[in-house]
Amino acid sequence: MSTAYVVTALVTAAANAFSGIAAITRFAPIMRTLRPALQRAGVPESWLTFPIGIPKVAGAVWLTLGLLGVPLVGTAAAAGLVLYFVCALYTHLRVSDFSPQFYLAIVFLGLAVATLALDPALVLNIRR
């Protein structure tokens, strides 16, 4: 397992764990900017638990399990987070919402893509 993969997966897991827990608990500093973005995107606040917070926390937990050696769980988590953030970006784009959450979703998507791209289960090991 490469150092780049471990660091990327840990950063991705930590970011998604914080974001998911902040959504589930409706962490006040986050809600100041998140609430208006939800309204612009037409997403009800009741969705902060599911389908917003719980999948992020689950992705973080599964990425961590993948780092601890559970086969392909980290790969599935990274792929799931890529799909999640593609859908999140689509939700913002369909209503032309370019709030800070839109750009944050791009960062989270980049982290998930990097984690998936560096995943040792997917990296070809070609020896000459």
Protein backbone atom coordinates (compact mmCIF):
# COMPACT_ATOMS: atom_id res chain seq x y z
CA MET A 1 0.00 0.00 0.00
CA SER A 2 1.60 3.26 -1.13
CA THR A 3 2.06 6.27 1.11
CA ALA A 4 0.15 8.43 -1.39
CA TYR A 5 -2.86 6.12 -1.17
CA VAL A 6 -2.80 6.01 2.64
CA VAL A 7 -2.56 9.80 2.98
CA THR A 8 -5.23 10.44 0.33
CA ALA A 9 -7.59 7.87 1.82
CA LEU A 10 -7.10 9.26 5.33
CA VAL A 11 -7.75 12.84 4.20
CA THR A 12 -10.82 11.71 2.24
CA ALA A 13 -12.12 9.73 5.21
CA ALA A 14 -11.53 12.58 7.66
CA ALA A 15 -13.15 15.19 5.42
CA ASN A 16 -16.21 13.03 4.79
CA ALA A 17 -16.52 12.03 8.45
CA PHE A 18 -16.48 15.69 9.53
CA SER A 19 -18.87 16.75 6.78
CA GLY A 20 -21.27 13.90 7.45
CA ILE A 21 -21.30 14.40 11.22
CA ALA A 22 -21.71 18.17 10.77
CA ALA A 23 -24.72 17.53 8.51
CA ILE A 24 -26.31 14.96 10.83
CA THR A 25 -25.86 17.13 13.93
CA ARG A 26 -26.63 20.35 12.04
CA PHE A 27 -23.43 21.93 13.37
CA ALA A 28 -24.27 25.66 13.71
CA PRO A 29 -21.18 27.19 12.02
CA ILE A 30 -21.71 24.94 8.99
CA MET A 31 -25.46 25.53 8.85
CA ARG A 32 -24.98 29.28 8.38
CA THR A 33 -23.74 28.68 4.83
CA LEU A 34 -25.36 25.30 4.23
CA ARG A 35 -28.96 26.30 4.92
CA PRO A 36 -29.12 28.92 2.11
CA ALA A 37 -27.41 26.49 -0.30
CA LEU A 38 -29.98 23.80 0.50
CA GLN A 39 -32.78 26.27 -0.20
CA ARG A 40 -31.25 27.33 -3.54
CA ALA A 41 -30.78 23.72 -4.59
CA GLY A 42 -34.30 22.77 -3.53
CA VAL A 43 -33.09 20.18 -1.03
CA PRO A 44 -35.12 19.87 2.19
CA GLU A 45 -33.21 20.25 5.45
CA SER A 46 -34.61 16.90 6.60
CA TRP A 47 -32.28 15.26 4.06
CA LEU A 48 -29.22 16.28 6.08
CA THR A 49 -29.37 12.99 7.96
CA PHE A 50 -30.14 10.79 4.96
CA PRO A 51 -29.27 10.96 2.03
CA ILE A 52 -26.56 13.52 2.87
CA GLY A 53 -24.87 12.79 6.21
CA ILE A 54 -25.10 9.02 6.66
CA PRO A 55 -23.58 8.10 3.24
CA LYS A 56 -20.61 10.42 3.93
CA VAL A 57 -20.00 8.88 7.36
CA ALA A 58 -20.42 5.37 5.94
CA GLY A 59 -17.93 6.18 3.17
CA ALA A 60 -15.43 7.41 5.76
CA VAL A 61 -15.85 4.29 7.90
CA TRP A 62 -15.54 1.96 4.90
CA LEU A 63 -12.45 3.79 3.62
CA THR A 64 -10.89 3.34 7.05
CA LEU A 65 -11.79 -0.36 7.06
CA GLY A 66 -10.15 -0.65 3.64
CA LEU A 67 -6.98 0.89 5.06
CA LEU A 68 -7.08 -1.62 7.90
CA GLY A 69 -6.99 -4.48 5.41
CA VAL A 70 -10.58 -5.48 4.69
CA PRO A 71 -10.43 -6.51 1.01
CA LEU A 72 -12.14 -4.24 -1.54
CA VAL A 73 -14.20 -2.37 1.06
CA GLY A 74 -12.08 0.75 0.59
CA THR A 75 -12.43 0.42 -3.17
CA ALA A 76 -16.21 0.21 -2.91
CA ALA A 77 -16.27 3.17 -0.51
CA ALA A 78 -14.19 5.35 -2.83
CA ALA A 79 -16.38 4.41 -5.82
CA GLY A 80 -19.51 5.16 -3.79
CA LEU A 81 -18.16 8.57 -2.76
CA VAL A 82 -17.33 9.38 -6.39
CA LEU A 83 -20.92 8.57 -7.36
CA TYR A 84 -22.27 10.53 -4.38
CA PHE A 85 -20.37 13.70 -5.29
CA VAL A 86 -21.16 13.44 -9.00
CA CYS A 87 -24.84 13.42 -7.97
CA ALA A 88 -24.25 16.33 -5.55
CA LEU A 89 -22.63 18.39 -8.30
CA TYR A 90 -25.50 17.59 -10.66
CA THR A 91 -27.96 18.77 -8.01
CA HIS A 92 -26.17 22.12 -7.79
CA LEU A 93 -25.73 22.47 -11.55
CA ARG A 94 -29.38 21.82 -12.40
CA VAL A 95 -30.41 24.93 -10.43
CA SER A 96 -27.30 26.99 -11.30
CA ASP A 97 -26.21 27.09 -7.66
CA PHE A 98 -22.56 28.06 -7.53
CA SER A 99 -22.40 28.57 -3.77
CA PRO A 100 -19.32 27.59 -1.74
CA GLN A 101 -20.88 24.13 -1.27
CA PHE A 102 -20.69 23.58 -5.04
CA TYR A 103 -16.94 24.21 -5.04
CA LEU A 104 -16.49 22.17 -1.88
CA ALA A 105 -18.24 19.26 -3.62
CA ILE A 106 -15.67 19.55 -6.42
CA VAL A 107 -12.87 19.24 -3.83
CA PHE A 108 -14.56 16.24 -2.21
CA LEU A 109 -15.05 14.64 -5.64
CA GLY A 110 -11.37 15.18 -6.39
CA LEU A 111 -10.38 13.51 -3.13
CA ALA A 112 -12.64 10.52 -3.82
CA VAL A 113 -11.34 10.19 -7.41
CA ALA A 114 -7.72 10.40 -6.20
CA THR A 115 -8.39 7.76 -3.54
CA LEU A 116 -9.98 5.47 -6.11
CA ALA A 117 -7.19 6.06 -8.65
CA LEU A 118 -4.48 5.26 -6.09
CA ASP A 119 -6.30 2.23 -4.66
CA PRO A 120 -3.88 -0.71 -4.58
CA ALA A 121 -6.66 -3.10 -5.62
CA LEU A 122 -6.99 -1.21 -8.91
CA VAL A 123 -3.41 -0.17 -9.62
CA LEU A 124 -1.72 -2.37 -12.22
CA ASN A 125 1.50 -3.88 -10.96
CA ILE A 126 3.48 -4.44 -14.13
CA ARG A 127 6.93 -5.92 -13.66
CA ARG A 128 9.47 -6.20 -16.43
